[in-house]
Amino acid sequence: MGDSDTEPVAVPRQVHCELKTLRQMGTHELLSEEVLDGLETYNFGTARQWVIENPEAYVQAVYHGTRDETVADTPSE
């Protein structure tokens, strides 16, 4: 109960990689409008669109990280 509030947020692989890269760079305040500018500056359009469309999930991702949903949800054939 409540575990989903502390687990990493599942996001598409491209979003995961772009947000992780921006976080590692440490050049932008992740909980401000500045993050959208940073994502645009570095051509991280997929993550930028995801942040705009999922603001609540993004805040959770800042605090708890992200995980690549592609790995967990893709069945192997």
N, C-alpha and C. Protein backbone atom coordinates (compact mmCIF):
# COMPACT_ATOMS: atom_id res chain seq x y z
N MET A 1 0.81 -1.18 0.00
CA MET A 1 0.00 0.00 0.00
C MET A 1 0.85 1.25 0.00
N GLY A 2 0.58 2.09 -1.00
CA GLY A 2 1.35 3.31 -1.14
C GLY A 2 2.70 3.10 -1.81
N ASP A 3 3.04 1.86 -2.16
CA ASP A 3 4.34 1.61 -2.78
C ASP A 3 4.50 2.34 -4.10
N SER A 4 3.41 2.52 -4.84
CA SER A 4 3.50 3.18 -6.13
C SER A 4 3.94 4.63 -5.97
N ASP A 5 3.79 5.19 -4.76
CA ASP A 5 4.22 6.57 -4.52
C ASP A 5 5.72 6.68 -4.36
N THR A 6 6.41 5.57 -4.11
CA THR A 6 7.85 5.64 -3.90
C THR A 6 8.65 4.87 -4.94
N GLU A 7 7.99 4.18 -5.83
CA GLU A 7 8.67 3.43 -6.87
C GLU A 7 9.00 4.34 -8.05
N PRO A 8 10.04 4.00 -8.81
CA PRO A 8 10.33 4.77 -10.02
C PRO A 8 9.13 4.76 -10.97
N VAL A 9 8.96 5.84 -11.68
CA VAL A 9 7.85 5.98 -12.62
C VAL A 9 8.22 5.28 -13.93
N ALA A 10 7.32 4.42 -14.41
CA ALA A 10 7.55 3.73 -15.68
C ALA A 10 7.28 4.69 -16.83
N VAL A 11 8.27 4.84 -17.70
CA VAL A 11 8.16 5.74 -18.85
C VAL A 11 8.76 5.05 -20.07
N PRO A 12 8.40 5.51 -21.27
CA PRO A 12 9.02 4.95 -22.48
C PRO A 12 10.54 5.13 -22.45
N ARG A 13 11.25 4.23 -23.09
CA ARG A 13 12.72 4.23 -23.08
C ARG A 13 13.31 5.59 -23.45
N GLN A 14 12.82 6.21 -24.51
CA GLN A 14 13.38 7.49 -24.95
C GLN A 14 13.23 8.56 -23.87
N VAL A 15 12.07 8.60 -23.24
CA VAL A 15 11.82 9.56 -22.16
C VAL A 15 12.77 9.29 -21.00
N HIS A 16 12.91 8.03 -20.63
CA HIS A 16 13.82 7.63 -19.55
C HIS A 16 15.24 8.12 -19.83
N CYS A 17 15.72 7.86 -21.01
CA CYS A 17 17.09 8.24 -21.37
C CYS A 17 17.28 9.76 -21.39
N GLU A 18 16.32 10.47 -21.97
CA GLU A 18 16.44 11.93 -22.07
C GLU A 18 16.37 12.58 -20.69
N LEU A 19 15.45 12.15 -19.85
CA LEU A 19 15.35 12.74 -18.50
C LEU A 19 16.58 12.39 -17.67
N LYS A 20 17.07 11.17 -17.80
CA LYS A 20 18.26 10.75 -17.06
C LYS A 20 19.47 11.59 -17.48
N THR A 21 19.60 11.81 -18.77
CA THR A 21 20.71 12.61 -19.26
C THR A 21 20.64 14.04 -18.74
N LEU A 22 19.46 14.65 -18.81
CA LEU A 22 19.31 16.02 -18.33
C LEU A 22 19.61 16.09 -16.83
N ARG A 23 19.15 15.11 -16.08
CA ARG A 23 19.40 15.09 -14.63
C ARG A 23 20.90 14.98 -14.36
N GLN A 24 21.59 14.10 -15.07
CA GLN A 24 23.02 13.90 -14.87
C GLN A 24 23.82 15.15 -15.22
N MET A 25 23.34 15.91 -16.20
CA MET A 25 24.04 17.14 -16.58
C MET A 25 23.98 18.17 -15.46
N GLY A 26 22.89 18.16 -14.69
CA GLY A 26 22.77 19.08 -13.57
C GLY A 26 22.71 20.54 -13.93
N THR A 27 22.29 20.84 -15.14
CA THR A 27 22.30 22.22 -15.61
C THR A 27 20.95 22.92 -15.47
N HIS A 28 19.90 22.19 -15.13
CA HIS A 28 18.57 22.79 -15.08
C HIS A 28 17.84 22.38 -13.81
N GLU A 29 17.07 23.30 -13.26
CA GLU A 29 16.23 23.03 -12.10
C GLU A 29 15.07 22.16 -12.56
N LEU A 30 15.03 20.94 -12.06
CA LEU A 30 14.07 19.96 -12.57
C LEU A 30 12.62 20.25 -12.17
N LEU A 31 12.40 21.02 -11.12
CA LEU A 31 11.04 21.32 -10.69
C LEU A 31 10.63 22.74 -11.03
N SER A 32 11.11 23.23 -12.16
CA SER A 32 10.71 24.56 -12.61
C SER A 32 10.42 24.50 -14.11
N GLU A 33 9.87 25.58 -14.62
CA GLU A 33 9.62 25.67 -16.07
C GLU A 33 10.93 25.56 -16.85
N GLU A 34 12.02 25.82 -16.19
CA GLU A 34 13.34 25.76 -16.81
C GLU A 34 13.62 24.39 -17.43
N VAL A 35 13.05 23.35 -16.85
CA VAL A 35 13.29 22.01 -17.37
C VAL A 35 12.78 21.88 -18.80
N LEU A 36 11.66 22.51 -19.12
CA LEU A 36 11.14 22.44 -20.48
C LEU A 36 12.09 23.13 -21.45
N ASP A 37 12.67 24.25 -21.03
CA ASP A 37 13.65 24.94 -21.87
C ASP A 37 14.87 24.06 -22.09
N GLY A 38 15.32 23.40 -21.02
CA GLY A 38 16.48 22.52 -21.14
C GLY A 38 16.22 21.36 -22.08
N LEU A 39 15.06 20.76 -21.96
CA LEU A 39 14.73 19.65 -22.85
C LEU A 39 14.68 20.10 -24.30
N GLU A 40 14.16 21.31 -24.51
CA GLU A 40 14.12 21.85 -25.87
C GLU A 40 15.53 22.18 -26.37
N THR A 41 16.32 22.79 -25.52
CA THR A 41 17.69 23.16 -25.89
C THR A 41 18.50 21.96 -26.36
N TYR A 42 18.35 20.84 -25.66
CA TYR A 42 19.12 19.65 -25.99
C TYR A 42 18.39 18.71 -26.95
N ASN A 43 17.31 19.21 -27.54
CA ASN A 43 16.57 18.42 -28.53
C ASN A 43 15.96 17.16 -27.94
N PHE A 44 15.55 17.21 -26.68
CA PHE A 44 14.91 16.07 -26.03
C PHE A 44 13.40 16.24 -26.15
N GLY A 45 12.91 16.25 -27.37
CA GLY A 45 11.51 16.50 -27.65
C GLY A 45 10.55 15.45 -27.11
N THR A 46 10.97 14.21 -27.10
CA THR A 46 10.11 13.15 -26.59
C THR A 46 9.85 13.34 -25.11
N ALA A 47 10.91 13.59 -24.35
CA ALA A 47 10.75 13.82 -22.91
C ALA A 47 9.99 15.10 -22.65
N ARG A 48 10.24 16.13 -23.43
CA ARG A 48 9.54 17.40 -23.24
C ARG A 48 8.04 17.21 -23.40
N GLN A 49 7.65 16.51 -24.44
CA GLN A 49 6.22 16.27 -24.67
C GLN A 49 5.62 15.43 -23.54
N TRP A 50 6.37 14.43 -23.07
CA TRP A 50 5.88 13.59 -21.99
C TRP A 50 5.68 14.42 -20.71
N VAL A 51 6.63 15.31 -20.40
CA VAL A 51 6.52 16.15 -19.21
C VAL A 51 5.28 17.04 -19.30
N ILE A 52 5.05 17.62 -20.47
CA ILE A 52 3.89 18.49 -20.67
C ILE A 52 2.59 17.70 -20.49
N GLU A 53 2.55 16.48 -21.01
CA GLU A 53 1.33 15.67 -20.96
C GLU A 53 1.13 14.94 -19.62
N ASN A 54 2.19 14.82 -18.82
CA ASN A 54 2.13 14.04 -17.57
C ASN A 54 2.77 14.81 -16.41
N PRO A 55 2.28 15.99 -16.09
CA PRO A 55 2.95 16.81 -15.06
C PRO A 55 3.01 16.15 -13.68
N GLU A 56 1.96 15.45 -13.27
CA GLU A 56 1.98 14.81 -11.95
C GLU A 56 2.97 13.64 -11.92
N ALA A 57 2.97 12.84 -12.97
CA ALA A 57 3.91 11.73 -13.05
C ALA A 57 5.35 12.26 -13.11
N TYR A 58 5.54 13.40 -13.79
CA TYR A 58 6.88 13.98 -13.87
C TYR A 58 7.40 14.37 -12.49
N VAL A 59 6.56 14.99 -11.67
CA VAL A 59 6.98 15.37 -10.32
C VAL A 59 7.37 14.12 -9.53
N GLN A 60 6.59 13.06 -9.65
CA GLN A 60 6.94 11.80 -8.99
C GLN A 60 8.28 11.28 -9.51
N ALA A 61 8.51 11.41 -10.82
CA ALA A 61 9.76 10.94 -11.42
C ALA A 61 10.96 11.72 -10.89
N VAL A 62 10.78 13.01 -10.64
CA VAL A 62 11.89 13.81 -10.10
C VAL A 62 12.29 13.27 -8.73
N TYR A 63 11.31 12.96 -7.91
CA TYR A 63 11.59 12.48 -6.56
C TYR A 63 12.00 11.02 -6.48
N HIS A 64 11.45 10.19 -7.36
CA HIS A 64 11.66 8.74 -7.25
C HIS A 64 12.36 8.11 -8.44
N GLY A 65 12.68 8.90 -9.45
CA GLY A 65 13.37 8.38 -10.62
C GLY A 65 12.40 7.76 -11.62
N THR A 66 12.98 7.29 -12.71
CA THR A 66 12.19 6.65 -13.75
C THR A 66 12.76 5.26 -14.00
N ARG A 67 11.92 4.44 -14.60
CA ARG A 67 12.41 3.15 -15.07
C ARG A 67 11.87 2.96 -16.48
N ASP A 68 12.65 2.29 -17.27
CA ASP A 68 12.32 2.05 -18.67
C ASP A 68 11.20 1.02 -18.76
N GLU A 69 9.99 1.47 -19.08
CA GLU A 69 8.86 0.55 -19.17
C GLU A 69 9.01 -0.41 -20.34
N THR A 70 9.83 -0.05 -21.32
CA THR A 70 10.02 -0.89 -22.49
C THR A 70 10.58 -2.25 -22.11
N VAL A 71 11.52 -2.26 -21.18
CA VAL A 71 12.14 -3.50 -20.75
C VAL A 71 11.13 -4.39 -20.03
N ALA A 72 10.34 -3.78 -19.14
CA ALA A 72 9.40 -4.56 -18.33
C ALA A 72 8.17 -5.02 -19.10
N ASP A 73 7.75 -4.25 -20.09
CA ASP A 73 6.48 -4.53 -20.74
C ASP A 73 6.59 -5.20 -22.11
N THR A 74 7.78 -5.35 -22.63
CA THR A 74 7.92 -5.92 -23.96
C THR A 74 8.08 -7.44 -23.85
N PRO A 75 7.12 -8.20 -24.41
CA PRO A 75 7.26 -9.65 -24.37
C PRO A 75 8.37 -10.11 -25.33
N SER A 76 9.11 -11.09 -24.92
CA SER A 76 10.15 -11.60 -25.81
C SER A 76 9.54 -12.67 -26.70
N GLU A 77 9.99 -12.69 -27.93
CA GLU A 77 9.46 -13.67 -28.87
C GLU A 77 10.54 -14.62 -29.32
